[in-house]
Amino acid sequence: MKKILTIALLSVSATVNANWFTGNDLHKHLSGGDYQRGFVLGMVVGVASAWDGDLFCIPQGVTPGQMQDVVRQFISAKPQDRHESAEMIIAAALINAYRCEKKGQNL
């Protein structure tokens, strides 16, 4: 049931915010000034806080800066996906980098 709720919430989030902030915006902000990078860092921490343990499992000791670097690398490697919502891209980057060790825990 929890996974169904997670999928539903991600779907609603992607629908509501799809035109608000995209991967293109993330990419641009990560190359911007302190304020812009700080804004992205806040988004990364927000997504990480919301879904850690459900969609991905961030190891103890990983810093927000490391997670932001993971997102930056993911966006750079997948320019074809930058039109997607920022939240979905951040979640995908964190899922890719921090898979849960228990079998079947990731979607």
PDB file of N, CA and C in Angstrom:
ATOM      1  N   MET A   1       0.815  -1.186   0.000  1.00  0.00           N
ATOM      2  CA  MET A   1       0.000   0.000   0.000  1.00  0.00           C
ATOM      3  C   MET A   1       0.865   1.260   0.000  1.00  0.00           C
ATOM      4  N   LYS A   2       1.965   1.224   0.754  1.00  0.00           N
ATOM      5  CA  LYS A   2       2.837   2.387   0.841  1.00  0.00           C
ATOM      6  C   LYS A   2       3.443   2.712  -0.522  1.00  0.00           C
ATOM      7  N   LYS A   3       3.818   1.690  -1.290  1.00  0.00           N
ATOM      8  CA  LYS A   3       4.393   1.914  -2.625  1.00  0.00           C
ATOM      9  C   LYS A   3       3.356   2.499  -3.567  1.00  0.00           C
ATOM     10  N   ILE A   4       2.115   2.058  -3.461  1.00  0.00           N
ATOM     11  CA  ILE A   4       1.055   2.609  -4.306  1.00  0.00           C
ATOM     12  C   ILE A   4       0.862   4.086  -3.985  1.00  0.00           C
ATOM     13  N   LEU A   5       0.853   4.427  -2.709  1.00  0.00           N
ATOM     14  CA  LEU A   5       0.731   5.821  -2.299  1.00  0.00           C
ATOM     15  C   LEU A   5       1.912   6.635  -2.808  1.00  0.00           C
ATOM     16  N   THR A   6       3.112   6.082  -2.738  1.00  0.00           N
ATOM     17  CA  THR A   6       4.307   6.759  -3.219  1.00  0.00           C
ATOM     18  C   THR A   6       4.190   7.060  -4.706  1.00  0.00           C
ATOM     19  N   ILE A   7       3.780   6.081  -5.481  1.00  0.00           N
ATOM     20  CA  ILE A   7       3.627   6.272  -6.927  1.00  0.00           C
ATOM     21  C   ILE A   7       2.563   7.325  -7.208  1.00  0.00           C
ATOM     22  N   ALA A   8       1.473   7.267  -6.490  1.00  0.00           N
ATOM     23  CA  ALA A   8       0.406   8.249  -6.691  1.00  0.00           C
ATOM     24  C   ALA A   8       0.880   9.659  -6.368  1.00  0.00           C
ATOM     25  N   LEU A   9       1.588   9.810  -5.267  1.00  0.00           N
ATOM     26  CA  LEU A   9       2.080  11.133  -4.889  1.00  0.00           C
ATOM     27  C   LEU A   9       3.094  11.659  -5.887  1.00  0.00           C
ATOM     28  N   LEU A  10       3.971  10.795  -6.374  1.00  0.00           N
ATOM     29  CA  LEU A  10       4.935  11.227  -7.388  1.00  0.00           C
ATOM     30  C   LEU A  10       4.220  11.644  -8.663  1.00  0.00           C
ATOM     31  N   SER A  11       3.192  10.929  -9.036  1.00  0.00           N
ATOM     32  CA  SER A  11       2.441  11.264 -10.240  1.00  0.00           C
ATOM     33  C   SER A  11       1.764  12.615 -10.104  1.00  0.00           C
ATOM     34  N   VAL A  12       1.144  12.856  -8.957  1.00  0.00           N
ATOM     35  CA  VAL A  12       0.492  14.138  -8.715  1.00  0.00           C
ATOM     36  C   VAL A  12       1.523  15.250  -8.690  1.00  0.00           C
ATOM     37  N   SER A  13       2.634  15.036  -8.017  1.00  0.00           N
ATOM     38  CA  SER A  13       3.696  16.038  -7.947  1.00  0.00           C
ATOM     39  C   SER A  13       4.206  16.376  -9.330  1.00  0.00           C
ATOM     40  N   ALA A  14       4.422  15.381 -10.152  1.00  0.00           N
ATOM     41  CA  ALA A  14       4.934  15.611 -11.499  1.00  0.00           C
ATOM     42  C   ALA A  14       3.918  16.368 -12.338  1.00  0.00           C
ATOM     43  N   THR A  15       2.639  16.056 -12.170  1.00  0.00           N
ATOM     44  CA  THR A  15       1.598  16.726 -12.932  1.00  0.00           C
ATOM     45  C   THR A  15       1.457  18.183 -12.510  1.00  0.00           C
ATOM     46  N   VAL A  16       1.441  18.441 -11.223  1.00  0.00           N
ATOM     47  CA  VAL A  16       1.247  19.789 -10.715  1.00  0.00           C
ATOM     48  C   VAL A  16       2.433  20.685 -11.051  1.00  0.00           C
ATOM     49  N   ASN A  17       3.648  20.167 -10.928  1.00  0.00           N
ATOM     50  CA  ASN A  17       4.836  20.995 -11.077  1.00  0.00           C
ATOM     51  C   ASN A  17       5.554  20.841 -12.406  1.00  0.00           C
ATOM     52  N   ALA A  18       4.982  20.089 -13.333  1.00  0.00           N
ATOM     53  CA  ALA A  18       5.690  19.792 -14.577  1.00  0.00           C
ATOM     54  C   ALA A  18       6.113  21.049 -15.323  1.00  0.00           C
ATOM     55  N   ASN A  19       5.307  22.074 -15.317  1.00  0.00           N
ATOM     56  CA  ASN A  19       5.640  23.289 -16.036  1.00  0.00           C
ATOM     57  C   ASN A  19       6.268  24.338 -15.145  1.00  0.00           C
ATOM     58  N   TRP A  20       6.360  24.068 -13.865  1.00  0.00           N
ATOM     59  CA  TRP A  20       6.887  25.052 -12.934  1.00  0.00           C
ATOM     60  C   TRP A  20       8.405  25.079 -12.922  1.00  0.00           C
ATOM     61  N   PHE A  21       9.048  23.963 -12.733  1.00  0.00           N
ATOM     62  CA  PHE A  21      10.508  23.890 -12.643  1.00  0.00           C
ATOM     63  C   PHE A  21      10.951  22.568 -13.242  1.00  0.00           C
ATOM     64  N   THR A  22      11.762  22.624 -14.263  1.00  0.00           N
ATOM     65  CA  THR A  22      12.157  21.418 -14.998  1.00  0.00           C
ATOM     66  C   THR A  22      13.646  21.131 -14.817  1.00  0.00           C
ATOM     67  N   GLY A  23      14.076  20.053 -15.427  1.00  0.00           N
ATOM     68  CA  GLY A  23      15.490  19.721 -15.438  1.00  0.00           C
ATOM     69  C   GLY A  23      16.316  20.778 -16.146  1.00  0.00           C
ATOM     70  N   ASN A  24      15.730  21.439 -17.139  1.00  0.00           N
ATOM     71  CA  ASN A  24      16.436  22.543 -17.805  1.00  0.00           C
ATOM     72  C   ASN A  24      16.723  23.667 -16.813  1.00  0.00           C
ATOM     73  N   ASP A  25      15.751  23.937 -15.947  1.00  0.00           N
ATOM     74  CA  ASP A  25      15.952  24.957 -14.911  1.00  0.00           C
ATOM     75  C   ASP A  25      17.010  24.502 -13.913  1.00  0.00           C
ATOM     76  N   LEU A  26      16.960  23.246 -13.518  1.00  0.00           N
ATOM     77  CA  LEU A  26      17.978  22.706 -12.603  1.00  0.00           C
ATOM     78  C   LEU A  26      19.370  22.880 -13.206  1.00  0.00           C
ATOM     79  N   HIS A  27      19.501  22.494 -14.459  1.00  0.00           N
ATOM     80  CA  HIS A  27      20.788  22.578 -15.148  1.00  0.00           C
ATOM     81  C   HIS A  27      21.298  24.023 -15.158  1.00  0.00           C
ATOM     82  N   LYS A  28      20.422  24.952 -15.482  1.00  0.00           N
ATOM     83  CA  LYS A  28      20.794  26.373 -15.533  1.00  0.00           C
ATOM     84  C   LYS A  28      21.168  26.888 -14.141  1.00  0.00           C
ATOM     85  N   HIS A  29      20.376  26.537 -13.138  1.00  0.00           N
ATOM     86  CA  HIS A  29      20.628  27.019 -11.776  1.00  0.00           C
ATOM     87  C   HIS A  29      21.905  26.420 -11.184  1.00  0.00           C
ATOM     88  N   LEU A  30      22.229  25.201 -11.538  1.00  0.00           N
ATOM     89  CA  LEU A  30      23.447  24.583 -11.015  1.00  0.00           C
ATOM     90  C   LEU A  30      24.699  25.254 -11.568  1.00  0.00           C
ATOM     91  N   SER A  31      24.554  25.971 -12.658  1.00  0.00           N
ATOM     92  CA  SER A  31      25.673  26.713 -13.243  1.00  0.00           C
ATOM     93  C   SER A  31      25.631  28.188 -12.853  1.00  0.00           C
ATOM     94  N   GLY A  32      24.655  28.571 -12.048  1.00  0.00           N
ATOM     95  CA  GLY A  32      24.469  29.972 -11.686  1.00  0.00           C
ATOM     96  C   GLY A  32      25.217  30.363 -10.423  1.00  0.00           C
ATOM     97  N   GLY A  33      24.745  31.447  -9.843  1.00  0.00           N
ATOM     98  CA  GLY A  33      25.362  31.979  -8.635  1.00  0.00           C
ATOM     99  C   GLY A  33      24.971  31.218  -7.383  1.00  0.00           C
ATOM    100  N   ASP A  34      25.448  31.728  -6.256  1.00  0.00           N
ATOM    101  CA  ASP A  34      25.205  31.064  -4.965  1.00  0.00           C
ATOM    102  C   ASP A  34      23.718  30.892  -4.676  1.00  0.00           C
ATOM    103  N   TYR A  35      22.930  31.930  -4.919  1.00  0.00           N
ATOM    104  CA  TYR A  35      21.494  31.855  -4.641  1.00  0.00           C
ATOM    105  C   TYR A  35      20.847  30.747  -5.464  1.00  0.00           C
ATOM    106  N   GLN A  36      21.176  30.695  -6.762  1.00  0.00           N
ATOM    107  CA  GLN A  36      20.582  29.693  -7.640  1.00  0.00           C
ATOM    108  C   GLN A  36      20.990  28.277  -7.235  1.00  0.00           C
ATOM    109  N   ARG A  37      22.262  28.087  -6.943  1.00  0.00           N
ATOM    110  CA  ARG A  37      22.718  26.760  -6.505  1.00  0.00           C
ATOM    111  C   ARG A  37      22.094  26.401  -5.157  1.00  0.00           C
ATOM    112  N   GLY A  38      21.940  27.391  -4.280  1.00  0.00           N
ATOM    113  CA  GLY A  38      21.301  27.154  -2.986  1.00  0.00           C
ATOM    114  C   GLY A  38      19.848  26.740  -3.134  1.00  0.00           C
ATOM    115  N   PHE A  39      19.166  27.345  -4.108  1.00  0.00           N
ATOM    116  CA  PHE A  39      17.777  26.980  -4.383  1.00  0.00           C
ATOM    117  C   PHE A  39      17.684  25.510  -4.782  1.00  0.00           C
ATOM    118  N   VAL A  40      18.587  25.086  -5.680  1.00  0.00           N
ATOM    119  CA  VAL A  40      18.606  23.684  -6.118  1.00  0.00           C
ATOM    120  C   VAL A  40      18.957  22.772  -4.943  1.00  0.00           C
ATOM    121  N   LEU A  41      19.903  23.189  -4.125  1.00  0.00           N
ATOM    122  CA  LEU A  41      20.276  22.392  -2.960  1.00  0.00           C
ATOM    123  C   LEU A  41      19.058  22.172  -2.058  1.00  0.00           C
ATOM    124  N   GLY A  42      18.256  23.203  -1.878  1.00  0.00           N
ATOM    125  CA  GLY A  42      17.033  23.070  -1.083  1.00  0.00           C
ATOM    126  C   GLY A  42      16.062  22.073  -1.684  1.00  0.00           C
ATOM    127  N   MET A  43      15.949  22.099  -3.002  1.00  0.00           N
ATOM    128  CA  MET A  43      15.063  21.134  -3.666  1.00  0.00           C
ATOM    129  C   MET A  43      15.587  19.711  -3.488  1.00  0.00           C
ATOM    130  N   VAL A  44      16.892  19.537  -3.642  1.00  0.00           N
ATOM    131  CA  VAL A  44      17.498  18.208  -3.491  1.00  0.00           C
ATOM    132  C   VAL A  44      17.262  17.678  -2.077  1.00  0.00           C
ATOM    133  N   VAL A  45      17.508  18.521  -1.089  1.00  0.00           N
ATOM    134  CA  VAL A  45      17.309  18.113   0.304  1.00  0.00           C
ATOM    135  C   VAL A  45      15.835  17.809   0.565  1.00  0.00           C
ATOM    136  N   GLY A  46      14.940  18.593  -0.019  1.00  0.00           N
ATOM    137  CA  GLY A  46      13.508  18.341   0.155  1.00  0.00           C
ATOM    138  C   GLY A  46      13.084  17.002  -0.406  1.00  0.00           C
ATOM    139  N   VAL A  47      13.511  16.703  -1.619  1.00  0.00           N
ATOM    140  CA  VAL A  47      13.177  15.406  -2.232  1.00  0.00           C
ATOM    141  C   VAL A  47      13.816  14.275  -1.435  1.00  0.00           C
ATOM    142  N   ALA A  48      15.071  14.466  -1.036  1.00  0.00           N
ATOM    143  CA  ALA A  48      15.766  13.431  -0.257  1.00  0.00           C
ATOM    144  C   ALA A  48      15.050  13.175   1.065  1.00  0.00           C
ATOM    145  N   SER A  49      14.636  14.225   1.734  1.00  0.00           N
ATOM    146  CA  SER A  49      13.947  14.074   3.020  1.00  0.00           C
ATOM    147  C   SER A  49      12.604  13.383   2.854  1.00  0.00           C
ATOM    148  N   ALA A  50      11.915  13.693   1.777  1.00  0.00           N
ATOM    149  CA  ALA A  50      10.576  13.137   1.561  1.00  0.00           C
ATOM    150  C   ALA A  50      10.603  11.652   1.211  1.00  0.00           C
ATOM    151  N   TRP A  51      11.609  11.199   0.474  1.00  0.00           N
ATOM    152  CA  TRP A  51      11.559   9.858  -0.087  1.00  0.00           C
ATOM    153  C   TRP A  51      12.659   8.919   0.387  1.00  0.00           C
ATOM    154  N   ASP A  52      13.569   9.393   1.257  1.00  0.00           N
ATOM    155  CA  ASP A  52      14.631   8.517   1.750  1.00  0.00           C
ATOM    156  C   ASP A  52      14.016   7.355   2.527  1.00  0.00           C
ATOM    157  N   GLY A  53      14.434   6.173   2.178  1.00  0.00           N
ATOM    158  CA  GLY A  53      13.904   4.964   2.816  1.00  0.00           C
ATOM    159  C   GLY A  53      12.737   4.369   2.065  1.00  0.00           C
ATOM    160  N   ASP A  54      12.124   5.133   1.169  1.00  0.00           N
ATOM    161  CA  ASP A  54      11.018   4.627   0.357  1.00  0.00           C
ATOM    162  C   ASP A  54      11.454   4.372  -1.084  1.00  0.00           C
ATOM    163  N   LEU A  55      11.970   5.419  -1.738  1.00  0.00           N
ATOM    164  CA  LEU A  55      12.412   5.283  -3.129  1.00  0.00           C
ATOM    165  C   LEU A  55      13.897   4.995  -3.239  1.00  0.00           C
ATOM    166  N   PHE A  56      14.655   5.442  -2.267  1.00  0.00           N
ATOM    167  CA  PHE A  56      16.106   5.266  -2.248  1.00  0.00           C
ATOM    168  C   PHE A  56      16.551   5.255  -0.798  1.00  0.00           C
ATOM    169  N   CYS A  57      17.791   4.820  -0.572  1.00  0.00           N
ATOM    170  CA  CYS A  57      18.319   4.730   0.793  1.00  0.00           C
ATOM    171  C   CYS A  57      19.675   5.437   0.836  1.00  0.00           C
ATOM    172  N   ILE A  58      19.657   6.669   1.312  1.00  0.00           N
ATOM    173  CA  ILE A  58      20.880   7.464   1.364  1.00  0.00           C
ATOM    174  C   ILE A  58      21.718   6.996   2.551  1.00  0.00           C
ATOM    175  N   PRO A  59      22.973   6.619   2.292  1.00  0.00           N
ATOM    176  CA  PRO A  59      23.829   6.150   3.382  1.00  0.00           C
ATOM    177  C   PRO A  59      24.115   7.257   4.394  1.00  0.00           C
ATOM    178  N   GLN A  60      24.303   6.855   5.623  1.00  0.00           N
ATOM    179  CA  GLN A  60      24.652   7.803   6.671  1.00  0.00           C
ATOM    180  C   GLN A  60      25.962   8.490   6.306  1.00  0.00           C
ATOM    181  N   GLY A  61      26.042   9.779   6.517  1.00  0.00           N
ATOM    182  CA  GLY A  61      27.252  10.537   6.248  1.00  0.00           C
ATOM    183  C   GLY A  61      27.265  11.245   4.903  1.00  0.00           C
ATOM    184  N   VAL A  62      26.324  10.910   4.012  1.00  0.00           N
ATOM    185  CA  VAL A  62      26.239  11.601   2.726  1.00  0.00           C
ATOM    186  C   VAL A  62      25.755  13.021   2.990  1.00  0.00           C
ATOM    187  N   THR A  63      26.459  13.992   2.416  1.00  0.00           N
ATOM    188  CA  THR A  63      26.119  15.396   2.643  1.00  0.00           C
ATOM    189  C   THR A  63      25.153  15.900   1.572  1.00  0.00           C
ATOM    190  N   PRO A  64      24.446  16.980   1.874  1.00  0.00           N
ATOM    191  CA  PRO A  64      23.596  17.596   0.849  1.00  0.00           C
ATOM    192  C   PRO A  64      24.388  17.976  -0.409  1.00  0.00           C
ATOM    193  N   GLY A  65      25.613  18.436  -0.220  1.00  0.00           N
ATOM    194  CA  GLY A  65      26.452  18.777  -1.362  1.00  0.00           C
ATOM    195  C   GLY A  65      26.742  17.580  -2.249  1.00  0.00           C
ATOM    196  N   GLN A  66      26.963  16.426  -1.636  1.00  0.00           N
ATOM    197  CA  GLN A  66      27.179  15.196  -2.412  1.00  0.00           C
ATOM    198  C   GLN A  66      25.935  14.843  -3.215  1.00  0.00           C
ATOM    199  N   MET A  67      24.777  14.957  -2.590  1.00  0.00           N
ATOM    200  CA  MET A  67      23.533  14.656  -3.300  1.00  0.00           C
ATOM    201  C   MET A  67      23.342  15.630  -4.463  1.00  0.00           C
ATOM    202  N   GLN A  68      23.679  16.894  -4.249  1.00  0.00           N
ATOM    203  CA  GLN A  68      23.569  17.871  -5.324  1.00  0.00           C
ATOM    204  C   GLN A  68      24.526  17.512  -6.468  1.00  0.00           C
ATOM    205  N   ASP A  69      25.719  17.049  -6.144  1.00  0.00           N
ATOM    206  CA  ASP A  69      26.673  16.610  -7.168  1.00  0.00           C
ATOM    207  C   ASP A  69      26.125  15.418  -7.950  1.00  0.00           C
ATOM    208  N   VAL A  70      25.452  14.504  -7.259  1.00  0.00           N
ATOM    209  CA  VAL A  70      24.831  13.349  -7.914  1.00  0.00           C
ATOM    210  C   VAL A  70      23.789  13.830  -8.925  1.00  0.00           C
ATOM    211  N   VAL A  71      22.981  14.798  -8.515  1.00  0.00           N
ATOM    212  CA  VAL A  71      21.953  15.341  -9.410  1.00  0.00           C
ATOM    213  C   VAL A  71      22.609  16.052 -10.603  1.00  0.00           C
ATOM    214  N   ARG A  72      23.639  16.842 -10.346  1.00  0.00           N
ATOM    215  CA  ARG A  72      24.346  17.550 -11.418  1.00  0.00           C
ATOM    216  C   ARG A  72      24.896  16.541 -12.445  1.00  0.00           C
ATOM    217  N   GLN A  73      25.520  15.486 -11.967  1.00  0.00           N
ATOM    218  CA  GLN A  73      26.093  14.474 -12.856  1.00  0.00           C
ATOM    219  C   GLN A  73      24.990  13.768 -13.645  1.00  0.00           C
ATOM    220  N   PHE A  74      23.883  13.464 -12.992  1.00  0.00           N
ATOM    221  CA  PHE A  74      22.759  12.783 -13.641  1.00  0.00           C
ATOM    222  C   PHE A  74      22.191  13.643 -14.762  1.00  0.00           C
ATOM    223  N   ILE A  75      21.993  14.927 -14.486  1.00  0.00           N
ATOM    224  CA  ILE A  75      21.455  15.840 -15.497  1.00  0.00           C
ATOM    225  C   ILE A  75      22.420  15.972 -16.676  1.00  0.00           C
ATOM    226  N   SER A  76      23.697  16.066 -16.386  1.00  0.00           N
ATOM    227  CA  SER A  76      24.693  16.192 -17.454  1.00  0.00           C
ATOM    228  C   SER A  76      24.728  14.951 -18.339  1.00  0.00           C
ATOM    229  N   ALA A  77      24.512  13.792 -17.735  1.00  0.00           N
ATOM    230  CA  ALA A  77      24.562  12.537 -18.476  1.00  0.00           C
ATOM    231  C   ALA A  77      23.288  12.261 -19.267  1.00  0.00           C
ATOM    232  N   LYS A  78      22.191  12.935 -18.935  1.00  0.00           N
ATOM    233  CA  LYS A  78      20.905  12.653 -19.573  1.00  0.00           C
ATOM    234  C   LYS A  78      20.229  13.937 -20.067  1.00  0.00           C
ATOM    235  N   PRO A  79      20.855  14.649 -20.993  1.00  0.00           N
ATOM    236  CA  PRO A  79      20.251  15.897 -21.474  1.00  0.00           C
ATOM    237  C   PRO A  79      18.895  15.688 -22.149  1.00  0.00           C
ATOM    238  N   GLN A  80      18.641  14.495 -22.645  1.00  0.00           N
ATOM    239  CA  GLN A  80      17.371  14.211 -23.306  1.00  0.00           C
ATOM    240  C   GLN A  80      16.191  14.223 -22.335  1.00  0.00           C
ATOM    241  N   ASP A  81      16.462  14.168 -21.027  1.00  0.00           N
ATOM    242  CA  ASP A  81      15.396  14.126 -20.023  1.00  0.00           C
ATOM    243  C   ASP A  81      15.187  15.462 -19.305  1.00  0.00           C
ATOM    244  N   ARG A  82      15.908  16.498 -19.689  1.00  0.00           N
ATOM    245  CA  ARG A  82      15.846  17.762 -18.959  1.00  0.00           C
ATOM    246  C   ARG A  82      14.493  18.453 -19.018  1.00  0.00           C
ATOM    247  N   HIS A  83      13.633  18.068 -19.918  1.00  0.00           N
ATOM    248  CA  HIS A  83      12.297  18.674 -19.999  1.00  0.00           C
ATOM    249  C   HIS A  83      11.367  18.135 -18.905  1.00  0.00           C
ATOM    250  N   GLU A  84      11.764  17.060 -18.254  1.00  0.00           N
ATOM    251  CA  GLU A  84      10.947  16.466 -17.187  1.00  0.00           C
ATOM    252  C   GLU A  84      10.948  17.355 -15.949  1.00  0.00           C
ATOM    253  N   SER A  85      10.024  17.094 -15.036  1.00  0.00           N
ATOM    254  CA  SER A  85       9.941  17.900 -13.821  1.00  0.00           C
ATOM    255  C   SER A  85      11.205  17.741 -12.973  1.00  0.00           C
ATOM    256  N   ALA A  86      11.579  18.804 -12.322  1.00  0.00           N
ATOM    257  CA  ALA A  86      12.789  18.811 -11.493  1.00  0.00           C
ATOM    258  C   ALA A  86      12.698  17.762 -10.387  1.00  0.00           C
ATOM    259  N   GLU A  87      11.549  17.651  -9.758  1.00  0.00           N
ATOM    260  CA  GLU A  87      11.397  16.676  -8.672  1.00  0.00           C
ATOM    261  C   GLU A  87      11.614  15.250  -9.155  1.00  0.00           C
ATOM    262  N   MET A  88      11.095  14.945 -10.332  1.00  0.00           N
ATOM    263  CA  MET A  88      11.249  13.593 -10.873  1.00  0.00           C
ATOM    264  C   MET A  88      12.710  13.325 -11.229  1.00  0.00           C
ATOM    265  N   ILE A  89      13.393  14.320 -11.758  1.00  0.00           N
ATOM    266  CA  ILE A  89      14.803  14.137 -12.112  1.00  0.00           C
ATOM    267  C   ILE A  89      15.644  13.956 -10.853  1.00  0.00           C
ATOM    268  N   ILE A  90      15.375  14.754  -9.831  1.00  0.00           N
ATOM    269  CA  ILE A  90      16.121  14.609  -8.575  1.00  0.00           C
ATOM    270  C   ILE A  90      15.885  13.219  -7.985  1.00  0.00           C
ATOM    271  N   ALA A  91      14.635  12.791  -7.950  1.00  0.00           N
ATOM    272  CA  ALA A  91      14.320  11.458  -7.410  1.00  0.00           C
ATOM    273  C   ALA A  91      15.009  10.370  -8.224  1.00  0.00           C
ATOM    274  N   ALA A  92      14.982  10.483  -9.548  1.00  0.00           N
ATOM    275  CA  ALA A  92      15.622   9.476 -10.403  1.00  0.00           C
ATOM    276  C   ALA A  92      17.130   9.430 -10.156  1.00  0.00           C
ATOM    277  N   ALA A  93      17.740  10.596  -9.993  1.00  0.00           N
ATOM    278  CA  ALA A  93      19.187  10.643  -9.733  1.00  0.00           C
ATOM    279  C   ALA A  93      19.522   9.969  -8.409  1.00  0.00           C
ATOM    280  N   LEU A  94      18.717  10.230  -7.387  1.00  0.00           N
ATOM    281  CA  LEU A  94      18.975   9.646  -6.075  1.00  0.00           C
ATOM    282  C   LEU A  94      18.682   8.145  -6.059  1.00  0.00           C
ATOM    283  N   ILE A  95      17.659   7.723  -6.787  1.00  0.00           N
ATOM    284  CA  ILE A  95      17.374   6.285  -6.907  1.00  0.00           C
ATOM    285  C   ILE A  95      18.546   5.588  -7.580  1.00  0.00           C
ATOM    286  N   ASN A  96      19.050   6.194  -8.639  1.00  0.00           N
ATOM    287  CA  ASN A  96      20.169   5.620  -9.388  1.00  0.00           C
ATOM    288  C   ASN A  96      21.430   5.509  -8.522  1.00  0.00           C
ATOM    289  N   ALA A  97      21.669   6.504  -7.698  1.00  0.00           N
ATOM    290  CA  ALA A  97      22.905   6.537  -6.892  1.00  0.00           C
ATOM    291  C   ALA A  97      22.801   5.776  -5.580  1.00  0.00           C
ATOM    292  N   TYR A  98      21.616   5.753  -4.980  1.00  0.00           N
ATOM    293  CA  TYR A  98      21.476   5.214  -3.623  1.00  0.00           C
ATOM    294  C   TYR A  98      20.390   4.149  -3.550  1.00  0.00           C
ATOM    295  N   ARG A  99      20.592   3.082  -4.270  1.00  0.00           N
ATOM    296  CA  ARG A  99      19.626   1.981  -4.232  1.00  0.00           C
ATOM    297  C   ARG A  99      19.590   1.363  -2.841  1.00  0.00           C
ATOM    298  N   CYS A 100      18.418   0.952  -2.443  1.00  0.00           N
ATOM    299  CA  CYS A 100      18.271   0.279  -1.162  1.00  0.00           C
ATOM    300  C   CYS A 100      18.814  -1.142  -1.283  1.00  0.00           C
ATOM    301  N   GLU A 101      19.440  -1.628  -0.242  1.00  0.00           N
ATOM    302  CA  GLU A 101      20.068  -2.952  -0.276  1.00  0.00           C
ATOM    303  C   GLU A 101      19.063  -4.083  -0.172  1.00  0.00           C
ATOM    304  N   LYS A 102      17.923  -3.847   0.470  1.00  0.00           N
ATOM    305  CA  LYS A 102      16.927  -4.898   0.606  1.00  0.00           C
ATOM    306  C   LYS A 102      16.284  -5.134  -0.746  1.00  0.00           C
ATOM    307  N   LYS A 103      16.249  -6.390  -1.155  1.00  0.00           N
ATOM    308  CA  LYS A 103      15.670  -6.738  -2.450  1.00  0.00           C
ATOM    309  C   LYS A 103      14.218  -6.289  -2.538  1.00  0.00           C
ATOM    310  N   GLY A 104      13.900  -5.622  -3.632  1.00  0.00           N
ATOM    311  CA  GLY A 104      12.533  -5.200  -3.876  1.00  0.00           C
ATOM    312  C   GLY A 104      12.161  -3.885  -3.220  1.00  0.00           C
ATOM    313  N   GLN A 105      13.095  -3.217  -2.556  1.00  0.00           N
ATOM    314  CA  GLN A 105      12.730  -1.988  -1.889  1.00  0.00           C
ATOM    315  C   GLN A 105      12.575  -0.825  -2.856  1.00  0.00           C
ATOM    316  N   ASN A 106      13.360  -0.780  -3.947  1.00  0.00           N
ATOM    317  CA  ASN A 106      13.198   0.256  -4.955  1.00  0.00           C
ATOM    318  C   ASN A 106      12.073  -0.117  -5.894  1.00  0.00           C
ATOM    319  N   LEU A 107      11.459   0.895  -6.489  1.00  0.00           N
ATOM    320  CA  LEU A 107      10.395   0.649  -7.476  1.00  0.00           C
ATOM    321  C   LEU A 107      10.980   0.070  -8.734  1.00  0.00           C
TER     322      LEU A 107
END
